[in-house]
Amino acid sequence: MRRLQLFFYGNGNLAGLALALLGPVLLFAGVIGAGWGWITLGLYVAGLLLGWALQPAGASFERALQQHWSAEDIRERIDELVQKARPMLTPEMQKHLDSVRGSVHEVLPSLAEAGPVFNDGLFTVRETVLQYLPATLSHYAALPPLFRVTQPVQDGKTARQLLTEQLALLAGQMQQVVAHVAASDAQALLANGRFLKQKFDRPDFLK
């Protein structure tokens, strides 16, 4: 059922339906007569293929598999993610994502200077930038644009609403990481990491 919905709201089907409307119009205008049904079907198929061909490639936010990342690598990665995601996000989503980026930039120098003392904090930041964010954004980008904003997928909420909530939650958690590093609270950092892993390790808007 869900796959059928994704197809129905996809750009290809919408383009096919729009072009197929020309069939009845041409029939009533007297341009075509017998065989108008086949012509309409042909128009739909043409629109479907055209919609697929012209559909922008979905943004790819691949999880980073490299094990060793410097603070500069992580900063560059979060900047790249924010820039790449911007076209598909609402202003509210962008605000939350910018907040995540700001927290990452703010806390990385302190984590780098602290060394092994704050390994849990560095791990949380690294997983957020290299795993949780890319996976969440990729799942959202894979959905048809119209589907994201019209179809309830979890608890009566659309994918757009869910992503907004998730980015807000992530922004809040990263602000806590900054505060906990400043307070040298290693146990709180460990709790942050566990919470984020539970919430974002397997993101799926359609479950």
C-alpha atoms as a PDB file:
ATOM      1  CA  MET A   1       0.000   0.000   0.000  1.00  0.00           C
ATOM      2  CA  ARG A   2       2.785   2.398   0.927  1.00  0.00           C
ATOM      3  CA  ARG A   3       4.642   1.693  -2.321  1.00  0.00           C
ATOM      4  CA  LEU A   4       1.466   2.466  -4.244  1.00  0.00           C
ATOM      5  CA  GLN A   5       1.184   5.801  -2.443  1.00  0.00           C
ATOM      6  CA  LEU A   6       4.798   6.645  -3.208  1.00  0.00           C
ATOM      7  CA  PHE A   7       4.198   5.878  -6.876  1.00  0.00           C
ATOM      8  CA  PHE A   8       0.956   7.880  -6.991  1.00  0.00           C
ATOM      9  CA  TYR A   9       2.578  10.993  -5.506  1.00  0.00           C
ATOM     10  CA  GLY A  10       5.752  10.597  -7.549  1.00  0.00           C
ATOM     11  CA  ASN A  11       6.653  13.142 -10.213  1.00  0.00           C
ATOM     12  CA  GLY A  12       6.358  10.564 -12.996  1.00  0.00           C
ATOM     13  CA  ASN A  13       2.752   9.633 -12.246  1.00  0.00           C
ATOM     14  CA  LEU A  14       1.697  13.257 -11.728  1.00  0.00           C
ATOM     15  CA  ALA A  15       3.243  14.241 -15.064  1.00  0.00           C
ATOM     16  CA  GLY A  16       1.544  11.269 -16.730  1.00  0.00           C
ATOM     17  CA  LEU A  17      -1.871  12.198 -15.332  1.00  0.00           C
ATOM     18  CA  ALA A  18      -1.440  15.816 -16.384  1.00  0.00           C
ATOM     19  CA  LEU A  19      -0.524  14.871 -19.941  1.00  0.00           C
ATOM     20  CA  ALA A  20      -3.281  12.235 -20.127  1.00  0.00           C
ATOM     21  CA  LEU A  21      -5.865  14.965 -19.530  1.00  0.00           C
ATOM     22  CA  LEU A  22      -5.122  16.151 -23.055  1.00  0.00           C
ATOM     23  CA  GLY A  23      -6.818  13.014 -24.410  1.00  0.00           C
ATOM     24  CA  PRO A  24     -10.394  13.937 -23.386  1.00  0.00           C
ATOM     25  CA  VAL A  25      -9.723  17.584 -24.241  1.00  0.00           C
ATOM     26  CA  LEU A  26      -8.638  16.690 -27.777  1.00  0.00           C
ATOM     27  CA  LEU A  27     -11.620  14.336 -28.099  1.00  0.00           C
ATOM     28  CA  PHE A  28     -14.165  17.000 -27.173  1.00  0.00           C
ATOM     29  CA  ALA A  29     -12.374  19.491 -29.403  1.00  0.00           C
ATOM     30  CA  GLY A  30     -12.831  17.133 -32.340  1.00  0.00           C
ATOM     31  CA  VAL A  31      -9.118  16.763 -32.953  1.00  0.00           C
ATOM     32  CA  ILE A  32      -9.197  13.007 -32.327  1.00  0.00           C
ATOM     33  CA  GLY A  33     -11.981  10.447 -32.508  1.00  0.00           C
ATOM     34  CA  ALA A  34     -11.768   6.678 -32.611  1.00  0.00           C
ATOM     35  CA  GLY A  35      -8.936   5.293 -30.561  1.00  0.00           C
ATOM     36  CA  TRP A  36      -8.875   8.269 -28.210  1.00  0.00           C
ATOM     37  CA  GLY A  37      -8.495   5.887 -25.239  1.00  0.00           C
ATOM     38  CA  TRP A  38      -5.270   4.475 -26.628  1.00  0.00           C
ATOM     39  CA  ILE A  39      -4.049   7.980 -27.380  1.00  0.00           C
ATOM     40  CA  THR A  40      -4.814   8.992 -23.794  1.00  0.00           C
ATOM     41  CA  LEU A  41      -2.913   5.957 -22.526  1.00  0.00           C
ATOM     42  CA  GLY A  42       0.010   6.843 -24.763  1.00  0.00           C
ATOM     43  CA  LEU A  43      -0.012  10.393 -23.426  1.00  0.00           C
ATOM     44  CA  TYR A  44       0.051   9.068 -19.864  1.00  0.00           C
ATOM     45  CA  VAL A  45       3.011   6.797 -20.605  1.00  0.00           C
ATOM     46  CA  ALA A  46       4.836   9.654 -22.325  1.00  0.00           C
ATOM     47  CA  GLY A  47       4.219  11.904 -19.330  1.00  0.00           C
ATOM     48  CA  LEU A  48       5.293   9.167 -16.940  1.00  0.00           C
ATOM     49  CA  LEU A  49       8.587   8.651 -18.755  1.00  0.00           C
ATOM     50  CA  LEU A  50       9.145  12.377 -19.107  1.00  0.00           C
ATOM     51  CA  GLY A  51       8.473  12.912 -15.412  1.00  0.00           C
ATOM     52  CA  TRP A  52      10.972  10.232 -14.497  1.00  0.00           C
ATOM     53  CA  ALA A  53      13.555  11.612 -16.917  1.00  0.00           C
ATOM     54  CA  LEU A  54      13.240  15.184 -15.672  1.00  0.00           C
ATOM     55  CA  GLN A  55      13.009  14.310 -12.001  1.00  0.00           C
ATOM     56  CA  PRO A  56      15.928  15.869 -10.132  1.00  0.00           C
ATOM     57  CA  ALA A  57      18.270  13.327  -8.668  1.00  0.00           C
ATOM     58  CA  GLY A  58      17.479  12.904  -4.995  1.00  0.00           C
ATOM     59  CA  ALA A  59      20.053  14.363  -2.682  1.00  0.00           C
ATOM     60  CA  SER A  60      22.422  11.719  -1.408  1.00  0.00           C
ATOM     61  CA  PHE A  61      23.595  12.096   2.158  1.00  0.00           C
ATOM     62  CA  GLU A  62      25.765   9.026   2.435  1.00  0.00           C
ATOM     63  CA  ARG A  63      26.888   7.795   5.797  1.00  0.00           C
ATOM     64  CA  ALA A  64      30.623   8.219   6.190  1.00  0.00           C
ATOM     65  CA  LEU A  65      32.359   4.896   6.751  1.00  0.00           C
ATOM     66  CA  GLN A  66      35.858   6.235   7.300  1.00  0.00           C
ATOM     67  CA  GLN A  67      36.966   5.540  10.865  1.00  0.00           C
ATOM     68  CA  HIS A  68      39.419   8.355  11.508  1.00  0.00           C
ATOM     69  CA  TRP A  69      38.121  11.890  11.101  1.00  0.00           C
ATOM     70  CA  SER A  70      39.868  15.024  12.303  1.00  0.00           C
ATOM     71  CA  ALA A  71      37.969  17.956  13.795  1.00  0.00           C
ATOM     72  CA  GLU A  72      38.462  19.810  10.516  1.00  0.00           C
ATOM     73  CA  ASP A  73      37.025  16.859   8.569  1.00  0.00           C
ATOM     74  CA  ILE A  74      33.923  16.883  10.769  1.00  0.00           C
ATOM     75  CA  ARG A  75      33.471  20.643  10.369  1.00  0.00           C
ATOM     76  CA  GLU A  76      33.713  20.345   6.602  1.00  0.00           C
ATOM     77  CA  ARG A  77      31.265  17.448   6.623  1.00  0.00           C
ATOM     78  CA  ILE A  78      28.577  19.300   8.589  1.00  0.00           C
ATOM     79  CA  ASP A  79      28.981  22.357   6.351  1.00  0.00           C
ATOM     80  CA  GLU A  80      28.549  20.155   3.284  1.00  0.00           C
ATOM     81  CA  LEU A  81      25.434  18.484   4.707  1.00  0.00           C
ATOM     82  CA  VAL A  82      23.788  21.783   5.588  1.00  0.00           C
ATOM     83  CA  GLN A  83      24.460  23.241   2.147  1.00  0.00           C
ATOM     84  CA  LYS A  84      23.241  20.139   0.325  1.00  0.00           C
ATOM     85  CA  ALA A  85      20.058  19.796   2.377  1.00  0.00           C
ATOM     86  CA  ARG A  86      19.017  23.449   2.211  1.00  0.00           C
ATOM     87  CA  PRO A  87      16.927  23.287  -1.026  1.00  0.00           C
ATOM     88  CA  MET A  88      14.536  20.666   0.387  1.00  0.00           C
ATOM     89  CA  LEU A  89      14.121  22.171   3.863  1.00  0.00           C
ATOM     90  CA  THR A  90      11.653  24.701   5.218  1.00  0.00           C
ATOM     91  CA  PRO A  91      13.004  27.807   7.000  1.00  0.00           C
ATOM     92  CA  GLU A  92      12.231  26.177  10.367  1.00  0.00           C
ATOM     93  CA  MET A  93      14.143  23.039   9.413  1.00  0.00           C
ATOM     94  CA  GLN A  94      17.063  25.156   8.207  1.00  0.00           C
ATOM     95  CA  LYS A  95      17.105  26.994  11.531  1.00  0.00           C
ATOM     96  CA  HIS A  96      17.411  23.731  13.463  1.00  0.00           C
ATOM     97  CA  LEU A  97      20.069  22.360  11.114  1.00  0.00           C
ATOM     98  CA  ASP A  98      22.047  25.601  11.362  1.00  0.00           C
ATOM     99  CA  SER A  99      21.832  25.245  15.144  1.00  0.00           C
ATOM    100  CA  VAL A 100      23.311  21.745  14.920  1.00  0.00           C
ATOM    101  CA  ARG A 101      26.127  23.054  12.753  1.00  0.00           C
ATOM    102  CA  GLY A 102      26.772  25.931  15.151  1.00  0.00           C
ATOM    103  CA  SER A 103      26.993  23.555  18.110  1.00  0.00           C
ATOM    104  CA  VAL A 104      29.380  21.263  16.237  1.00  0.00           C
ATOM    105  CA  HIS A 105      31.666  24.147  15.309  1.00  0.00           C
ATOM    106  CA  GLU A 106      31.548  25.479  18.865  1.00  0.00           C
ATOM    107  CA  VAL A 107      32.293  22.255  20.710  1.00  0.00           C
ATOM    108  CA  LEU A 108      34.906  20.610  18.479  1.00  0.00           C
ATOM    109  CA  PRO A 109      37.880  22.738  19.641  1.00  0.00           C
ATOM    110  CA  SER A 110      37.128  21.944  23.300  1.00  0.00           C
ATOM    111  CA  LEU A 111      36.765  18.240  22.564  1.00  0.00           C
ATOM    112  CA  ALA A 112      40.015  18.193  20.606  1.00  0.00           C
ATOM    113  CA  GLU A 113      41.899  19.916  23.433  1.00  0.00           C
ATOM    114  CA  ALA A 114      40.428  17.674  26.133  1.00  0.00           C
ATOM    115  CA  GLY A 115      41.771  14.495  24.566  1.00  0.00           C
ATOM    116  CA  PRO A 116      40.614  11.099  25.897  1.00  0.00           C
ATOM    117  CA  VAL A 117      38.697  12.700  28.786  1.00  0.00           C
ATOM    118  CA  PHE A 118      35.794  13.521  26.486  1.00  0.00           C
ATOM    119  CA  ASN A 119      35.940  10.618  24.054  1.00  0.00           C
ATOM    120  CA  ASP A 120      32.210  10.042  24.564  1.00  0.00           C
ATOM    121  CA  GLY A 121      31.452  13.623  23.574  1.00  0.00           C
ATOM    122  CA  LEU A 122      33.612  13.423  20.475  1.00  0.00           C
ATOM    123  CA  PHE A 123      31.998  10.112  19.542  1.00  0.00           C
ATOM    124  CA  THR A 124      28.516  11.651  19.871  1.00  0.00           C
ATOM    125  CA  VAL A 125      29.419  14.614  17.672  1.00  0.00           C
ATOM    126  CA  ARG A 126      31.098  12.384  15.111  1.00  0.00           C
ATOM    127  CA  GLU A 127      28.153   9.968  14.939  1.00  0.00           C
ATOM    128  CA  THR A 128      25.717  12.868  14.598  1.00  0.00           C
ATOM    129  CA  VAL A 129      27.593  14.391  11.671  1.00  0.00           C
ATOM    130  CA  LEU A 130      28.720  11.208   9.926  1.00  0.00           C
ATOM    131  CA  GLN A 131      25.824   8.826  10.617  1.00  0.00           C
ATOM    132  CA  TYR A 132      22.608  10.180  12.142  1.00  0.00           C
ATOM    133  CA  LEU A 133      22.177  13.317  10.027  1.00  0.00           C
ATOM    134  CA  PRO A 134      23.068  11.743   6.652  1.00  0.00           C
ATOM    135  CA  ALA A 135      20.760   8.770   7.235  1.00  0.00           C
ATOM    136  CA  THR A 136      17.826  10.920   8.373  1.00  0.00           C
ATOM    137  CA  LEU A 137      18.163  13.375   5.489  1.00  0.00           C
ATOM    138  CA  SER A 138      18.577  10.568   2.938  1.00  0.00           C
ATOM    139  CA  HIS A 139      15.349   8.874   4.029  1.00  0.00           C
ATOM    140  CA  TYR A 140      13.494  12.173   3.743  1.00  0.00           C
ATOM    141  CA  ALA A 141      15.000  13.040   0.348  1.00  0.00           C
ATOM    142  CA  ALA A 142      13.954   9.644  -1.029  1.00  0.00           C
ATOM    143  CA  LEU A 143      10.258  10.480  -0.582  1.00  0.00           C
ATOM    144  CA  PRO A 144       8.333  12.237  -3.391  1.00  0.00           C
ATOM    145  CA  PRO A 145       8.020  15.982  -2.578  1.00  0.00           C
ATOM    146  CA  LEU A 146       4.204  15.941  -2.620  1.00  0.00           C
ATOM    147  CA  PHE A 147       4.111  12.813  -0.446  1.00  0.00           C
ATOM    148  CA  ARG A 148       6.296  14.486   2.196  1.00  0.00           C
ATOM    149  CA  VAL A 149       3.767  17.227   2.852  1.00  0.00           C
ATOM    150  CA  THR A 150       0.394  15.529   2.305  1.00  0.00           C
ATOM    151  CA  GLN A 151       0.517  11.957   3.624  1.00  0.00           C
ATOM    152  CA  PRO A 152       0.514  11.098   7.344  1.00  0.00           C
ATOM    153  CA  VAL A 153       3.175   8.459   7.969  1.00  0.00           C
ATOM    154  CA  GLN A 154       3.530   8.231  11.762  1.00  0.00           C
ATOM    155  CA  ASP A 155       1.097   9.281  14.489  1.00  0.00           C
ATOM    156  CA  GLY A 156      -0.883  11.342  11.993  1.00  0.00           C
ATOM    157  CA  LYS A 157       2.156  13.437  11.076  1.00  0.00           C
ATOM    158  CA  THR A 158       3.649  13.982   7.643  1.00  0.00           C
ATOM    159  CA  ALA A 159       7.296  13.325   6.844  1.00  0.00           C
ATOM    160  CA  ARG A 160       7.890  17.085   6.812  1.00  0.00           C
ATOM    161  CA  GLN A 161       6.493  17.443  10.319  1.00  0.00           C
ATOM    162  CA  LEU A 162       8.511  14.474  11.550  1.00  0.00           C
ATOM    163  CA  LEU A 163      11.764  15.780  10.083  1.00  0.00           C
ATOM    164  CA  THR A 164      11.122  19.193  11.644  1.00  0.00           C
ATOM    165  CA  GLU A 165      10.683  17.541  15.044  1.00  0.00           C
ATOM    166  CA  GLN A 166      13.742  15.348  14.592  1.00  0.00           C
ATOM    167  CA  LEU A 167      15.978  18.256  13.612  1.00  0.00           C
ATOM    168  CA  ALA A 168      14.679  20.277  16.573  1.00  0.00           C
ATOM    169  CA  LEU A 169      15.438  17.345  18.885  1.00  0.00           C
ATOM    170  CA  LEU A 170      18.898  16.947  17.414  1.00  0.00           C
ATOM    171  CA  ALA A 171      19.589  20.670  17.763  1.00  0.00           C
ATOM    172  CA  GLY A 172      18.559  20.557  21.422  1.00  0.00           C
ATOM    173  CA  GLN A 173      20.743  17.539  22.135  1.00  0.00           C
ATOM    174  CA  MET A 174      23.764  19.137  20.498  1.00  0.00           C
ATOM    175  CA  GLN A 175      23.258  22.281  22.585  1.00  0.00           C
ATOM    176  CA  GLN A 176      23.294  20.037  25.640  1.00  0.00           C
ATOM    177  CA  VAL A 177      26.554  18.488  24.455  1.00  0.00           C
ATOM    178  CA  VAL A 178      28.097  21.965  24.294  1.00  0.00           C
ATOM    179  CA  ALA A 179      26.882  22.741  27.817  1.00  0.00           C
ATOM    180  CA  HIS A 180      28.057  19.409  29.220  1.00  0.00           C
ATOM    181  CA  VAL A 181      31.522  19.796  27.717  1.00  0.00           C
ATOM    182  CA  ALA A 182      31.758  23.282  29.212  1.00  0.00           C
ATOM    183  CA  ALA A 183      30.742  21.825  32.595  1.00  0.00           C
ATOM    184  CA  SER A 184      33.127  18.850  32.210  1.00  0.00           C
ATOM    185  CA  ASP A 185      30.184  16.497  32.768  1.00  0.00           C
ATOM    186  CA  ALA A 186      31.344  13.240  31.190  1.00  0.00           C
ATOM    187  CA  GLN A 187      28.382  11.220  32.477  1.00  0.00           C
ATOM    188  CA  ALA A 188      25.892  13.613  30.903  1.00  0.00           C
ATOM    189  CA  LEU A 189      27.761  13.340  27.598  1.00  0.00           C
ATOM    190  CA  LEU A 190      27.454   9.582  27.765  1.00  0.00           C
ATOM    191  CA  ALA A 191      23.703   9.950  28.316  1.00  0.00           C
ATOM    192  CA  ASN A 192      23.487  12.282  25.287  1.00  0.00           C
ATOM    193  CA  GLY A 193      25.182   9.684  23.134  1.00  0.00           C
ATOM    194  CA  ARG A 194      22.872   6.897  24.242  1.00  0.00           C
ATOM    195  CA  PHE A 195      19.775   9.006  23.657  1.00  0.00           C
ATOM    196  CA  LEU A 196      20.825  10.020  20.145  1.00  0.00           C
ATOM    197  CA  LYS A 197      21.714   6.454  19.213  1.00  0.00           C
ATOM    198  CA  GLN A 198      18.288   5.274  20.355  1.00  0.00           C
ATOM    199  CA  LYS A 199      16.471   7.992  18.409  1.00  0.00           C
ATOM    200  CA  PHE A 200      18.488   8.204  15.203  1.00  0.00           C
ATOM    201  CA  ASP A 201      20.404   4.967  14.667  1.00  0.00           C
ATOM    202  CA  ARG A 202      17.707   3.539  12.346  1.00  0.00           C
ATOM    203  CA  PRO A 203      15.716   6.445  10.885  1.00  0.00           C
ATOM    204  CA  ASP A 204      12.679   5.536   8.795  1.00  0.00           C
ATOM    205  CA  PHE A 205       9.775   7.861   8.022  1.00  0.00           C
ATOM    206  CA  LEU A 206       7.595   4.977   6.808  1.00  0.00           C
ATOM    207  CA  LYS A 207       7.776   2.558   9.729  1.00  0.00           C
END
